[in-house]
Amino acid sequence: MNWLFLGLAGLVEIAFSQSIRPTENFTRPLPTLVCFLLGAASIFLLSLAMRGLPVGTAYAVFTGIGAVGAIGLGIAVQRDPVTAGRLAALALIIGGVVLARITNPE
């Protein structure tokens, strides 16, 4: 169940990362509210995951999921550049998340 909470936290973190730009530097009230709610929800879900997972593992996986999702959506939706370096970084992050999961004692 802890890994489920962690996965959900990572997915909400991805949505949070995409909700920042529409706030236009936190000058638009509704997008700002959505942004804050997503941020709080991701941290809440992370805290639930940390009840049974080591803090370091949970946080590293959480940020890894968020980073991969943010970069992936940036490439797919916002036409961010695709470079060999960015793809290598994504592969390393994904490898780290997988390694953290399979070597966790739970």
Protein backbone atom coordinates (compact mmCIF):
# COMPACT_ATOMS: atom_id res chain seq x y z
CA MET A 1 0.00 0.00 0.00
CA ASN A 2 2.91 2.36 0.74
CA TRP A 3 4.18 2.01 -2.82
CA LEU A 4 0.70 2.76 -4.14
CA PHE A 5 0.60 5.98 -2.12
CA LEU A 6 4.06 6.82 -3.40
CA GLY A 7 3.05 6.24 -7.02
CA LEU A 8 -0.04 8.40 -6.57
CA ALA A 9 2.05 11.09 -4.90
CA GLY A 10 4.38 11.08 -7.90
CA LEU A 11 1.49 11.37 -10.35
CA VAL A 12 0.00 14.29 -8.42
CA GLU A 13 3.47 15.86 -8.33
CA ILE A 14 3.55 15.70 -12.13
CA ALA A 15 0.21 17.50 -12.29
CA PHE A 16 1.53 20.02 -9.76
CA SER A 17 4.58 20.74 -11.91
CA GLN A 18 2.34 21.46 -14.87
CA SER A 19 0.03 23.69 -12.79
CA ILE A 20 2.72 26.24 -11.94
CA ARG A 21 3.00 28.04 -15.29
CA PRO A 22 -0.75 28.82 -15.62
CA THR A 23 -0.60 30.76 -12.33
CA GLU A 24 1.42 33.43 -14.18
CA ASN A 25 3.67 34.06 -11.17
CA PHE A 26 0.78 33.41 -8.78
CA THR A 27 -1.21 36.38 -10.10
CA ARG A 28 -4.22 34.33 -11.27
CA PRO A 29 -6.34 33.24 -8.28
CA LEU A 30 -7.98 30.05 -9.58
CA PRO A 31 -4.87 28.51 -11.17
CA THR A 32 -2.93 29.48 -8.05
CA LEU A 33 -5.45 27.69 -5.84
CA VAL A 34 -5.27 24.59 -8.04
CA CYS A 35 -1.47 24.72 -7.88
CA PHE A 36 -1.42 24.94 -4.08
CA LEU A 37 -3.98 22.15 -3.71
CA LEU A 38 -2.00 19.84 -5.99
CA GLY A 39 1.20 20.62 -4.11
CA ALA A 40 -0.43 19.90 -0.76
CA ALA A 41 -2.03 16.70 -2.07
CA SER A 42 1.28 15.38 -3.40
CA ILE A 43 3.01 16.01 -0.07
CA PHE A 44 0.11 14.46 1.85
CA LEU A 45 0.29 11.29 -0.26
CA LEU A 46 4.07 11.24 0.16
CA SER A 47 3.64 11.44 3.93
CA LEU A 48 1.30 8.44 3.81
CA ALA A 49 3.90 6.48 1.85
CA MET A 50 6.57 7.40 4.37
CA ARG A 51 4.67 5.61 7.13
CA GLY A 52 6.14 2.37 5.85
CA LEU A 53 9.01 3.34 3.55
CA PRO A 54 12.39 4.80 4.40
CA VAL A 55 12.35 8.58 4.02
CA GLY A 56 15.29 8.63 1.62
CA THR A 57 13.83 5.98 -0.65
CA ALA A 58 10.37 7.52 -0.66
CA TYR A 59 11.60 11.02 -1.39
CA ALA A 60 14.05 9.92 -4.09
CA VAL A 61 11.38 7.89 -5.89
CA PHE A 62 8.84 10.72 -5.48
CA THR A 63 11.14 13.31 -7.00
CA GLY A 64 12.21 10.86 -9.71
CA ILE A 65 8.62 10.23 -10.78
CA GLY A 66 7.96 13.96 -10.77
CA ALA A 67 11.08 14.74 -12.79
CA VAL A 68 10.45 12.08 -15.41
CA GLY A 69 6.82 13.13 -15.75
CA ALA A 70 7.63 16.83 -15.96
CA ILE A 71 10.33 16.29 -18.58
CA GLY A 72 8.16 13.84 -20.52
CA LEU A 73 5.17 16.18 -20.58
CA GLY A 74 7.44 19.08 -21.45
CA ILE A 75 8.66 17.16 -24.48
CA ALA A 76 5.26 15.78 -25.48
CA VAL A 77 3.02 18.76 -24.78
CA GLN A 78 5.13 21.90 -24.60
CA ARG A 79 7.60 20.93 -27.32
CA ASP A 80 10.65 21.12 -25.08
CA PRO A 81 13.81 20.06 -26.88
CA VAL A 82 14.72 16.37 -27.12
CA THR A 83 18.44 15.84 -26.79
CA ALA A 84 20.63 12.82 -26.17
CA GLY A 85 21.59 14.28 -22.81
CA ARG A 86 18.00 14.72 -21.69
CA LEU A 87 17.10 11.20 -22.79
CA ALA A 88 20.14 9.81 -20.96
CA ALA A 89 19.11 11.73 -17.84
CA LEU A 90 15.61 10.27 -18.06
CA ALA A 91 17.00 6.76 -18.45
CA LEU A 92 19.23 7.21 -15.40
CA ILE A 93 16.36 8.57 -13.29
CA ILE A 94 14.08 5.73 -14.31
CA GLY A 95 16.84 3.22 -13.58
CA GLY A 96 17.35 4.76 -10.15
CA VAL A 97 13.64 4.60 -9.33
CA VAL A 98 13.45 0.95 -10.44
CA LEU A 99 16.58 0.08 -8.46
CA ALA A 100 15.19 1.79 -5.34
CA ARG A 101 11.98 -0.20 -5.67
CA ILE A 102 13.51 -3.63 -6.22
CA THR A 103 16.10 -3.25 -3.48
CA ASN A 104 13.67 -1.99 -0.84
CA PRO A 105 13.15 -4.55 1.94
CA GLU A 106 9.36 -4.10 1.95
